Amino acid sequence: MAEDIRARLERYRTAPFDSRFPNQNQTKNCWQNYLDFHRCQKAMAAKGADPAPCQWYFRVYRSLCPTSWVTTWDEAREAGTFPGKI
């Protein structure tokens, strides 16, 4: 399975279509992939597993989200005031 994920990451160009977010506005898609990335990182660290599969979420949210949003969210996580559940 890890080889499949690595192959998909190598072919990655931009965020693929996600049927959960069919509309033109991709704000929720950005938010969900940001949360999924940090949840994945946390889960992999707890298991002591390789966090490579989490890179998929990272690339998707970096493709969709404005940098200013990501910076604000990262600062809020560090300050302990982040509104999302990770």
Protein backbone atom coordinates (compact mmCIF):
# COMPACT_ATOMS: atom_id res chain seq x y z
CA MET A 1 0.00 0.00 0.00
CA ALA A 2 2.84 2.39 0.78
CA GLU A 3 4.19 1.91 -2.75
CA ASP A 4 0.80 2.87 -4.18
CA ILE A 5 0.74 6.07 -2.13
CA ARG A 6 4.30 6.92 -3.12
CA ALA A 7 3.44 6.39 -6.79
CA ARG A 8 0.38 8.64 -6.49
CA LEU A 9 2.48 11.34 -4.82
CA GLU A 10 4.99 11.23 -7.67
CA ARG A 11 2.20 11.71 -10.25
CA TYR A 12 0.58 14.50 -8.19
CA ARG A 13 0.16 17.81 -9.99
CA THR A 14 -2.81 19.54 -8.34
CA ALA A 15 -5.73 18.68 -6.08
CA PRO A 16 -7.94 16.01 -7.66
CA PHE A 17 -11.73 16.17 -7.74
CA ASP A 18 -13.30 15.30 -4.41
CA SER A 19 -16.97 14.33 -4.62
CA ARG A 20 -17.56 15.57 -1.07
CA PHE A 21 -16.95 19.11 -2.38
CA PRO A 22 -18.54 19.27 -5.85
CA ASN A 23 -19.03 23.04 -6.01
CA GLN A 24 -16.68 25.67 -7.32
CA ASN A 25 -15.96 27.08 -3.85
CA GLN A 26 -13.19 24.90 -2.41
CA THR A 27 -12.89 26.57 1.01
CA LYS A 28 -14.31 23.56 2.88
CA ASN A 29 -12.07 21.23 0.90
CA CYS A 30 -9.05 23.30 1.92
CA TRP A 31 -10.10 23.25 5.59
CA GLN A 32 -10.82 19.50 5.63
CA ASN A 33 -7.50 18.56 4.04
CA TYR A 34 -5.64 20.80 6.50
CA LEU A 35 -7.35 19.02 9.40
CA ASP A 36 -6.83 15.60 7.82
CA PHE A 37 -3.10 16.26 7.41
CA HIS A 38 -2.61 17.16 11.05
CA ARG A 39 -4.84 14.31 12.25
CA CYS A 40 -2.85 11.90 10.11
CA GLN A 41 0.45 13.24 11.49
CA LYS A 42 -0.84 12.84 15.03
CA ALA A 43 -2.12 9.30 14.41
CA MET A 44 1.09 8.16 12.71
CA ALA A 45 3.22 9.61 15.51
CA ALA A 46 1.10 7.78 18.09
CA LYS A 47 1.59 4.50 16.23
CA GLY A 48 5.24 5.12 15.52
CA ALA A 49 4.52 4.58 11.83
CA ASP A 50 5.91 6.26 8.74
CA PRO A 51 4.06 9.58 8.13
CA ALA A 52 4.56 9.39 4.33
CA PRO A 53 0.84 8.80 3.59
CA CYS A 54 0.07 12.14 5.25
CA GLN A 55 1.94 13.95 2.49
CA TRP A 56 -1.09 13.50 0.22
CA TYR A 57 -3.19 15.75 2.46
CA PHE A 58 -0.31 18.20 2.76
CA ARG A 59 0.00 18.59 -0.99
CA VAL A 60 -3.74 18.96 -1.48
CA TYR A 61 -4.20 21.63 1.16
CA ARG A 62 -1.09 23.50 -0.02
CA SER A 63 -2.58 23.46 -3.52
CA LEU A 64 -6.02 24.69 -2.42
CA CYS A 65 -5.43 26.98 0.56
CA PRO A 66 -4.11 30.54 0.44
CA THR A 67 -0.79 30.82 2.26
CA SER A 68 -2.14 33.49 4.61
CA TRP A 69 -4.82 31.09 5.88
CA VAL A 70 -2.31 28.32 6.51
CA THR A 71 0.00 30.73 8.34
CA THR A 72 -2.87 31.94 10.53
CA TRP A 73 -3.98 28.38 11.30
CA ASP A 74 -0.42 27.28 12.13
CA GLU A 75 0.00 30.22 14.49
CA ALA A 76 -3.34 29.43 16.15
CA ARG A 77 -2.33 25.77 16.62
CA GLU A 78 0.94 26.84 18.25
CA ALA A 79 -0.91 29.27 20.52
CA GLY A 80 -3.50 26.62 21.45
CA THR A 81 -6.42 28.64 20.07
CA PHE A 82 -7.05 26.65 16.89
CA PRO A 83 -10.81 26.13 16.42
CA GLY A 84 -10.58 22.76 14.62
CA LYS A 85 -10.51 19.36 16.28
CA ILE A 86 -7.21 17.64 15.56
